[in-house]
Amino acid sequence: MNPFQRKRRERLRQHPEIWRSLFSNPGEDTLSTVREYLAEQSVVNLAPWLFPVLPLWEQEACEGNELIAHIIRQLETSRLSPLPSENALLRPALQRIRILATTPGLFPFSVEHIQKDLAKFLESAELLADLPELEVVAFSREELFPLRRDLVNFYLPPLSRRYVLQLFHSERQEAILSLLAHVAKNYPVLGTCRQAYALMLSLEKSEVWSRNPFCLRLLANRFWEFYAADTTYAEGV
């Protein structure tokens, strides 16, 4: 560590409010400071400075500020708060912002407008599961087989919902959120763009993936594709 880096680390230790300025005006200095700071410790307490800037970062991500994504990638390497509850709130928000920042295109609508009236834009949003852009979301025959009775009857009991939550593991969540971000920024129909972003907001908590109508429609679509190709797939139901 050179003298400049030692001096900066000491300043951060003595004046942690410096993070407010760094995060409020994200730039190359923010990125280098975060990288150096996190390299020395796996658990930090940056939550007090991160929560207030999330709306700003989200707006800049929607406008294509990829530097935000680089900063978040560094932040994602560490626990950002000693409190598990704060980490649980920060992680999905940062993930969504990172994905939005790295997705080409610009939002043709007001982000704040969607956030303030989320329920309105989620009406019938599950139909986005039928878009060709979402056809790449794959589930194997083996994964869906335990759900065949539930999907035929259009009802998922609590035990099945726990299984569904396992199907939407972190890698699959990342892929689906990336597809929704692409739709939000590039789809030619404005209403669909808004709904795609609304879905991203609605999927912020991991536990909702097992009961979100959009997610369940994704499962149902793949199940009926298997059934159409082989009607014996659901035998015994």
C-alpha atoms as a PDB file:
ATOM      1  CA  MET A   1       0.000   0.000   0.000  1.00  0.00           C
ATOM      2  CA  ASN A   2       1.474   3.342  -1.025  1.00  0.00           C
ATOM      3  CA  PRO A   3       1.403   6.476   1.191  1.00  0.00           C
ATOM      4  CA  PHE A   4      -1.579   7.928  -0.682  1.00  0.00           C
ATOM      5  CA  GLN A   5      -3.633   4.785  -0.124  1.00  0.00           C
ATOM      6  CA  ARG A   6      -2.711   4.694   3.559  1.00  0.00           C
ATOM      7  CA  LYS A   7      -3.711   8.319   3.934  1.00  0.00           C
ATOM      8  CA  ARG A   8      -7.049   7.720   2.212  1.00  0.00           C
ATOM      9  CA  ARG A   9      -7.786   4.695   4.377  1.00  0.00           C
ATOM     10  CA  GLU A  10      -7.031   6.716   7.505  1.00  0.00           C
ATOM     11  CA  ARG A  11      -9.339   9.505   6.326  1.00  0.00           C
ATOM     12  CA  LEU A  12     -12.144   6.999   5.769  1.00  0.00           C
ATOM     13  CA  ARG A  13     -11.612   5.565   9.226  1.00  0.00           C
ATOM     14  CA  GLN A  14     -11.705   8.973  10.894  1.00  0.00           C
ATOM     15  CA  HIS A  15     -14.399  10.492   8.674  1.00  0.00           C
ATOM     16  CA  PRO A  16     -16.708   7.733   7.386  1.00  0.00           C
ATOM     17  CA  GLU A  17     -19.130  10.380   6.105  1.00  0.00           C
ATOM     18  CA  ILE A  18     -16.746  10.731   3.159  1.00  0.00           C
ATOM     19  CA  TRP A  19     -18.594   7.718   1.761  1.00  0.00           C
ATOM     20  CA  ARG A  20     -21.654   9.923   1.368  1.00  0.00           C
ATOM     21  CA  SER A  21     -19.817  12.130  -1.088  1.00  0.00           C
ATOM     22  CA  LEU A  22     -18.199   9.210  -2.902  1.00  0.00           C
ATOM     23  CA  PHE A  23     -21.490   7.366  -3.373  1.00  0.00           C
ATOM     24  CA  SER A  24     -23.523  10.481  -4.184  1.00  0.00           C
ATOM     25  CA  ASN A  25     -21.138  11.333  -7.015  1.00  0.00           C
ATOM     26  CA  PRO A  26     -20.053   7.922  -8.306  1.00  0.00           C
ATOM     27  CA  GLY A  27     -16.905   8.115 -10.380  1.00  0.00           C
ATOM     28  CA  GLU A  28     -13.550   6.479 -10.911  1.00  0.00           C
ATOM     29  CA  ASP A  29     -12.457   7.684  -7.471  1.00  0.00           C
ATOM     30  CA  THR A  30     -15.425   5.863  -5.942  1.00  0.00           C
ATOM     31  CA  LEU A  31     -14.503   2.675  -7.761  1.00  0.00           C
ATOM     32  CA  SER A  32     -10.840   2.745  -6.743  1.00  0.00           C
ATOM     33  CA  THR A  33     -11.667   3.608  -3.127  1.00  0.00           C
ATOM     34  CA  VAL A  34     -14.208   0.801  -2.841  1.00  0.00           C
ATOM     35  CA  ARG A  35     -11.797  -1.677  -4.419  1.00  0.00           C
ATOM     36  CA  GLU A  36      -8.972  -0.802  -2.020  1.00  0.00           C
ATOM     37  CA  TYR A  37     -11.230  -0.627   1.030  1.00  0.00           C
ATOM     38  CA  LEU A  38     -12.898  -3.984   0.457  1.00  0.00           C
ATOM     39  CA  ALA A  39      -9.633  -5.734  -0.374  1.00  0.00           C
ATOM     40  CA  GLU A  40      -8.664  -5.407   3.273  1.00  0.00           C
ATOM     41  CA  GLN A  41     -11.851  -6.668   4.927  1.00  0.00           C
ATOM     42  CA  SER A  42     -14.690  -9.033   4.093  1.00  0.00           C
ATOM     43  CA  VAL A  43     -17.306  -7.413   6.347  1.00  0.00           C
ATOM     44  CA  VAL A  44     -17.872  -3.659   6.277  1.00  0.00           C
ATOM     45  CA  ASN A  45     -20.614  -1.259   7.288  1.00  0.00           C
ATOM     46  CA  LEU A  46     -21.418   0.766   4.203  1.00  0.00           C
ATOM     47  CA  ALA A  47     -25.182   0.328   4.460  1.00  0.00           C
ATOM     48  CA  PRO A  48     -25.809   3.773   6.048  1.00  0.00           C
ATOM     49  CA  TRP A  49     -24.202   5.425   3.030  1.00  0.00           C
ATOM     50  CA  LEU A  50     -25.598   3.090   0.380  1.00  0.00           C
ATOM     51  CA  PHE A  51     -29.305   3.094   1.198  1.00  0.00           C
ATOM     52  CA  PRO A  52     -29.771   6.847   0.565  1.00  0.00           C
ATOM     53  CA  VAL A  53     -28.108   6.715  -2.874  1.00  0.00           C
ATOM     54  CA  LEU A  54     -29.965   3.684  -4.255  1.00  0.00           C
ATOM     55  CA  PRO A  55     -32.635   5.818  -6.018  1.00  0.00           C
ATOM     56  CA  LEU A  56     -29.914   7.930  -7.642  1.00  0.00           C
ATOM     57  CA  TRP A  57     -27.971   4.862  -8.734  1.00  0.00           C
ATOM     58  CA  GLU A  58     -31.113   3.243 -10.113  1.00  0.00           C
ATOM     59  CA  GLN A  59     -31.862   6.295 -12.230  1.00  0.00           C
ATOM     60  CA  GLU A  60     -28.301   6.450 -13.533  1.00  0.00           C
ATOM     61  CA  ALA A  61     -28.342   2.718 -14.247  1.00  0.00           C
ATOM     62  CA  CYS A  62     -31.503   3.135 -16.293  1.00  0.00           C
ATOM     63  CA  GLU A  63     -29.686   5.816 -18.266  1.00  0.00           C
ATOM     64  CA  GLY A  64     -26.827   3.428 -19.009  1.00  0.00           C
ATOM     65  CA  ASN A  65     -24.133   4.457 -16.507  1.00  0.00           C
ATOM     66  CA  GLU A  66     -21.956   1.335 -16.615  1.00  0.00           C
ATOM     67  CA  LEU A  67     -19.551   2.700 -14.014  1.00  0.00           C
ATOM     68  CA  ILE A  68     -22.292   2.058 -11.453  1.00  0.00           C
ATOM     69  CA  ALA A  69     -22.157  -1.624 -12.405  1.00  0.00           C
ATOM     70  CA  HIS A  70     -18.378  -1.763 -11.876  1.00  0.00           C
ATOM     71  CA  ILE A  71     -18.761  -0.207  -8.429  1.00  0.00           C
ATOM     72  CA  ILE A  72     -21.517  -2.643  -7.495  1.00  0.00           C
ATOM     73  CA  ARG A  73     -19.478  -5.641  -8.640  1.00  0.00           C
ATOM     74  CA  GLN A  74     -16.835  -4.608  -6.140  1.00  0.00           C
ATOM     75  CA  LEU A  75     -19.437  -4.108  -3.413  1.00  0.00           C
ATOM     76  CA  GLU A  76     -20.933  -7.543  -4.068  1.00  0.00           C
ATOM     77  CA  THR A  77     -17.672  -9.199  -3.031  1.00  0.00           C
ATOM     78  CA  SER A  78     -18.233  -8.330   0.643  1.00  0.00           C
ATOM     79  CA  ARG A  79     -20.894  -8.199   3.296  1.00  0.00           C
ATOM     80  CA  LEU A  80     -21.946  -4.574   3.316  1.00  0.00           C
ATOM     81  CA  SER A  81     -23.388  -4.532   6.808  1.00  0.00           C
ATOM     82  CA  PRO A  82     -22.872  -6.544   9.989  1.00  0.00           C
ATOM     83  CA  LEU A  83     -26.676  -6.835  10.141  1.00  0.00           C
ATOM     84  CA  PRO A  84     -28.118  -9.704   8.048  1.00  0.00           C
ATOM     85  CA  SER A  85     -31.388  -7.805   7.600  1.00  0.00           C
ATOM     86  CA  GLU A  86     -29.599  -4.875   5.964  1.00  0.00           C
ATOM     87  CA  ASN A  87     -27.621  -7.188   3.713  1.00  0.00           C
ATOM     88  CA  ALA A  88     -30.843  -8.896   2.663  1.00  0.00           C
ATOM     89  CA  LEU A  89     -32.293  -5.535   1.618  1.00  0.00           C
ATOM     90  CA  LEU A  90     -29.191  -4.243  -0.132  1.00  0.00           C
ATOM     91  CA  ARG A  91     -28.212  -7.289  -2.181  1.00  0.00           C
ATOM     92  CA  PRO A  92     -31.248  -7.582  -4.481  1.00  0.00           C
ATOM     93  CA  ALA A  93     -31.458  -3.821  -4.999  1.00  0.00           C
ATOM     94  CA  LEU A  94     -27.794  -3.648  -5.989  1.00  0.00           C
ATOM     95  CA  GLN A  95     -28.201  -6.675  -8.252  1.00  0.00           C
ATOM     96  CA  ARG A  96     -31.095  -5.051 -10.112  1.00  0.00           C
ATOM     97  CA  ILE A  97     -29.202  -1.767 -10.486  1.00  0.00           C
ATOM     98  CA  ARG A  98     -26.112  -3.583 -11.769  1.00  0.00           C
ATOM     99  CA  ILE A  99     -28.150  -5.476 -14.350  1.00  0.00           C
ATOM    100  CA  LEU A 100     -29.910  -2.317 -15.513  1.00  0.00           C
ATOM    101  CA  ALA A 101     -26.602  -0.473 -15.821  1.00  0.00           C
ATOM    102  CA  THR A 102     -25.086  -3.154 -18.053  1.00  0.00           C
ATOM    103  CA  THR A 103     -28.137  -3.628 -20.280  1.00  0.00           C
ATOM    104  CA  PRO A 104     -27.948  -1.633 -23.537  1.00  0.00           C
ATOM    105  CA  GLY A 105     -30.751   0.809 -24.201  1.00  0.00           C
ATOM    106  CA  LEU A 106     -32.491   3.678 -22.432  1.00  0.00           C
ATOM    107  CA  PHE A 107     -35.697   3.759 -20.425  1.00  0.00           C
ATOM    108  CA  PRO A 108     -38.472   5.474 -22.416  1.00  0.00           C
ATOM    109  CA  PHE A 109     -40.412   6.275 -19.224  1.00  0.00           C
ATOM    110  CA  SER A 110     -40.116   7.699 -15.721  1.00  0.00           C
ATOM    111  CA  VAL A 111     -38.669   5.217 -13.246  1.00  0.00           C
ATOM    112  CA  GLU A 112     -40.168   7.112 -10.332  1.00  0.00           C
ATOM    113  CA  HIS A 113     -43.625   6.924 -11.897  1.00  0.00           C
ATOM    114  CA  ILE A 114     -43.465   3.119 -12.005  1.00  0.00           C
ATOM    115  CA  GLN A 115     -42.171   2.882  -8.449  1.00  0.00           C
ATOM    116  CA  LYS A 116     -44.967   5.061  -7.070  1.00  0.00           C
ATOM    117  CA  ASP A 117     -47.749   3.123  -8.796  1.00  0.00           C
ATOM    118  CA  LEU A 118     -46.248  -0.366  -8.873  1.00  0.00           C
ATOM    119  CA  ALA A 119     -49.489  -2.300  -8.361  1.00  0.00           C
ATOM    120  CA  LYS A 120     -51.043  -0.650 -11.407  1.00  0.00           C
ATOM    121  CA  PHE A 121     -48.198  -1.666 -13.702  1.00  0.00           C
ATOM    122  CA  LEU A 122     -48.158  -5.224 -12.371  1.00  0.00           C
ATOM    123  CA  GLU A 123     -51.713  -5.821 -13.560  1.00  0.00           C
ATOM    124  CA  SER A 124     -51.541  -8.648 -16.132  1.00  0.00           C
ATOM    125  CA  ALA A 125     -47.737  -8.401 -16.079  1.00  0.00           C
ATOM    126  CA  GLU A 126     -47.536 -12.198 -15.820  1.00  0.00           C
ATOM    127  CA  LEU A 127     -48.348 -12.274 -19.545  1.00  0.00           C
ATOM    128  CA  LEU A 128     -44.792 -11.147 -20.228  1.00  0.00           C
ATOM    129  CA  ALA A 129     -43.827 -14.771 -19.580  1.00  0.00           C
ATOM    130  CA  ASP A 130     -45.318 -15.490 -23.018  1.00  0.00           C
ATOM    131  CA  LEU A 131     -42.922 -13.153 -24.847  1.00  0.00           C
ATOM    132  CA  PRO A 132     -40.440 -14.769 -27.255  1.00  0.00           C
ATOM    133  CA  GLU A 133     -37.654 -13.023 -25.326  1.00  0.00           C
ATOM    134  CA  LEU A 134     -38.462 -15.193 -22.308  1.00  0.00           C
ATOM    135  CA  GLU A 135     -38.479 -18.496 -24.184  1.00  0.00           C
ATOM    136  CA  VAL A 136     -34.793 -18.952 -23.392  1.00  0.00           C
ATOM    137  CA  VAL A 137     -35.668 -19.479 -19.718  1.00  0.00           C
ATOM    138  CA  ALA A 138     -35.433 -23.244 -19.548  1.00  0.00           C
ATOM    139  CA  PHE A 139     -36.527 -25.844 -17.013  1.00  0.00           C
ATOM    140  CA  SER A 140     -35.789 -29.507 -17.519  1.00  0.00           C
ATOM    141  CA  ARG A 141     -38.446 -32.205 -17.713  1.00  0.00           C
ATOM    142  CA  GLU A 142     -37.048 -33.648 -14.509  1.00  0.00           C
ATOM    143  CA  GLU A 143     -37.317 -30.326 -12.684  1.00  0.00           C
ATOM    144  CA  LEU A 144     -40.968 -29.837 -13.591  1.00  0.00           C
ATOM    145  CA  PHE A 145     -42.094 -33.446 -13.195  1.00  0.00           C
ATOM    146  CA  PRO A 146     -42.733 -33.166  -9.409  1.00  0.00           C
ATOM    147  CA  LEU A 147     -45.047 -30.219 -10.147  1.00  0.00           C
ATOM    148  CA  ARG A 148     -47.070 -31.878 -12.899  1.00  0.00           C
ATOM    149  CA  ARG A 149     -50.190 -32.460 -10.771  1.00  0.00           C
ATOM    150  CA  ASP A 150     -50.107 -28.917  -9.392  1.00  0.00           C
ATOM    151  CA  LEU A 151     -49.611 -27.329 -12.800  1.00  0.00           C
ATOM    152  CA  VAL A 152     -52.421 -29.338 -14.365  1.00  0.00           C
ATOM    153  CA  ASN A 153     -54.727 -28.257 -11.531  1.00  0.00           C
ATOM    154  CA  PHE A 154     -53.442 -24.655 -11.570  1.00  0.00           C
ATOM    155  CA  TYR A 155     -52.742 -24.745  -7.842  1.00  0.00           C
ATOM    156  CA  LEU A 156     -49.480 -24.831  -5.896  1.00  0.00           C
ATOM    157  CA  PRO A 157     -49.698 -25.981  -2.258  1.00  0.00           C
ATOM    158  CA  PRO A 158     -47.142 -24.658   0.265  1.00  0.00           C
ATOM    159  CA  LEU A 159     -44.851 -27.675  -0.104  1.00  0.00           C
ATOM    160  CA  SER A 160     -44.697 -27.190  -3.858  1.00  0.00           C
ATOM    161  CA  ARG A 161     -43.944 -23.505  -3.421  1.00  0.00           C
ATOM    162  CA  ARG A 162     -40.871 -24.390  -1.411  1.00  0.00           C
ATOM    163  CA  TYR A 163     -39.756 -26.606  -4.264  1.00  0.00           C
ATOM    164  CA  VAL A 164     -40.456 -23.835  -6.788  1.00  0.00           C
ATOM    165  CA  LEU A 165     -38.256 -21.497  -4.769  1.00  0.00           C
ATOM    166  CA  GLN A 166     -35.388 -23.940  -5.277  1.00  0.00           C
ATOM    167  CA  LEU A 167     -35.989 -23.901  -9.028  1.00  0.00           C
ATOM    168  CA  PHE A 168     -35.506 -20.142  -9.085  1.00  0.00           C
ATOM    169  CA  HIS A 169     -31.950 -20.311  -7.798  1.00  0.00           C
ATOM    170  CA  SER A 170     -29.614 -17.318  -7.941  1.00  0.00           C
ATOM    171  CA  GLU A 171     -28.253 -18.037 -11.433  1.00  0.00           C
ATOM    172  CA  ARG A 172     -31.758 -18.397 -12.858  1.00  0.00           C
ATOM    173  CA  GLN A 173     -32.893 -15.246 -11.087  1.00  0.00           C
ATOM    174  CA  GLU A 174     -29.984 -13.331 -12.593  1.00  0.00           C
ATOM    175  CA  ALA A 175     -30.842 -14.598 -16.077  1.00  0.00           C
ATOM    176  CA  ILE A 176     -34.531 -13.724 -15.767  1.00  0.00           C
ATOM    177  CA  LEU A 177     -33.824 -10.257 -14.389  1.00  0.00           C
ATOM    178  CA  SER A 178     -31.404  -9.652 -17.261  1.00  0.00           C
ATOM    179  CA  LEU A 179     -34.074 -10.617 -19.786  1.00  0.00           C
ATOM    180  CA  LEU A 180     -36.608  -8.342 -18.113  1.00  0.00           C
ATOM    181  CA  ALA A 181     -34.099  -5.482 -18.178  1.00  0.00           C
ATOM    182  CA  HIS A 182     -33.610  -6.036 -21.905  1.00  0.00           C
ATOM    183  CA  VAL A 183     -37.370  -5.942 -22.466  1.00  0.00           C
ATOM    184  CA  ALA A 184     -37.730  -2.836 -20.295  1.00  0.00           C
ATOM    185  CA  LYS A 185     -35.126  -0.938 -22.287  1.00  0.00           C
ATOM    186  CA  ASN A 186     -35.704  -2.226 -25.796  1.00  0.00           C
ATOM    187  CA  TYR A 187     -39.211  -3.592 -26.365  1.00  0.00           C
ATOM    188  CA  PRO A 188     -41.147  -1.555 -28.965  1.00  0.00           C
ATOM    189  CA  VAL A 189     -44.351  -1.381 -26.877  1.00  0.00           C
ATOM    190  CA  LEU A 190     -44.117   1.178 -24.070  1.00  0.00           C
ATOM    191  CA  GLY A 191     -46.631  -0.565 -21.821  1.00  0.00           C
ATOM    192  CA  THR A 192     -44.617  -3.777 -21.973  1.00  0.00           C
ATOM    193  CA  CYS A 193     -41.425  -1.877 -21.130  1.00  0.00           C
ATOM    194  CA  ARG A 194     -43.074  -0.471 -18.037  1.00  0.00           C
ATOM    195  CA  GLN A 195     -44.397  -3.849 -16.965  1.00  0.00           C
ATOM    196  CA  ALA A 196     -40.976  -5.460 -17.365  1.00  0.00           C
ATOM    197  CA  TYR A 197     -39.421  -2.903 -15.036  1.00  0.00           C
ATOM    198  CA  ALA A 198     -42.316  -3.278 -12.603  1.00  0.00           C
ATOM    199  CA  LEU A 199     -41.686  -7.027 -12.530  1.00  0.00           C
ATOM    200  CA  MET A 200     -38.031  -6.430 -11.724  1.00  0.00           C
ATOM    201  CA  LEU A 201     -39.092  -4.338  -8.747  1.00  0.00           C
ATOM    202  CA  SER A 202     -41.635  -6.925  -7.606  1.00  0.00           C
ATOM    203  CA  LEU A 203     -39.002  -9.682  -7.596  1.00  0.00           C
ATOM    204  CA  GLU A 204     -36.667  -7.903  -5.192  1.00  0.00           C
ATOM    205  CA  LYS A 205     -37.233 -10.387  -2.355  1.00  0.00           C
ATOM    206  CA  SER A 206     -36.168 -13.977  -3.006  1.00  0.00           C
ATOM    207  CA  GLU A 207     -39.183 -15.502  -1.291  1.00  0.00           C
ATOM    208  CA  VAL A 208     -41.660 -13.915  -3.727  1.00  0.00           C
ATOM    209  CA  TRP A 209     -40.291 -15.876  -6.690  1.00  0.00           C
ATOM    210  CA  SER A 210     -42.286 -18.934  -5.625  1.00  0.00           C
ATOM    211  CA  ARG A 211     -45.624 -17.119  -5.728  1.00  0.00           C
ATOM    212  CA  ASN A 212     -45.191 -14.366  -8.300  1.00  0.00           C
ATOM    213  CA  PRO A 213     -47.733 -14.961 -11.123  1.00  0.00           C
ATOM    214  CA  PHE A 214     -45.094 -14.181 -13.746  1.00  0.00           C
ATOM    215  CA  CYS A 215     -42.743 -16.855 -12.387  1.00  0.00           C
ATOM    216  CA  LEU A 216     -45.511 -19.424 -12.121  1.00  0.00           C
ATOM    217  CA  ARG A 217     -46.542 -18.712 -15.703  1.00  0.00           C
ATOM    218  CA  LEU A 218     -42.958 -19.339 -16.816  1.00  0.00           C
ATOM    219  CA  LEU A 219     -43.138 -22.756 -15.163  1.00  0.00           C
ATOM    220  CA  ALA A 220     -46.554 -23.508 -16.617  1.00  0.00           C
ATOM    221  CA  ASN A 221     -45.484 -22.527 -20.125  1.00  0.00           C
ATOM    222  CA  ARG A 222     -42.539 -24.911 -20.068  1.00  0.00           C
ATOM    223  CA  PHE A 223     -44.664 -27.686 -18.571  1.00  0.00           C
ATOM    224  CA  TRP A 224     -47.302 -27.444 -21.293  1.00  0.00           C
ATOM    225  CA  GLU A 225     -44.586 -27.416 -23.929  1.00  0.00           C
ATOM    226  CA  PHE A 226     -43.358 -30.756 -22.593  1.00  0.00           C
ATOM    227  CA  TYR A 227     -46.933 -32.030 -22.385  1.00  0.00           C
ATOM    228  CA  ALA A 228     -47.723 -30.974 -25.956  1.00  0.00           C
ATOM    229  CA  ALA A 229     -44.695 -32.891 -27.179  1.00  0.00           C
ATOM    230  CA  ASP A 230     -45.501 -35.966 -25.084  1.00  0.00           C
ATOM    231  CA  THR A 231     -48.953 -36.340 -23.543  1.00  0.00           C
ATOM    232  CA  THR A 232     -47.711 -39.190 -21.354  1.00  0.00           C
ATOM    233  CA  TYR A 233     -45.568 -36.644 -19.484  1.00  0.00           C
ATOM    234  CA  ALA A 234     -48.393 -35.952 -17.035  1.00  0.00           C
ATOM    235  CA  GLU A 235     -49.644 -39.523 -16.724  1.00  0.00           C
ATOM    236  CA  GLY A 236     -50.935 -40.454 -13.326  1.00  0.00           C
ATOM    237  CA  VAL A 237     -52.355 -37.012 -12.625  1.00  0.00           C
END
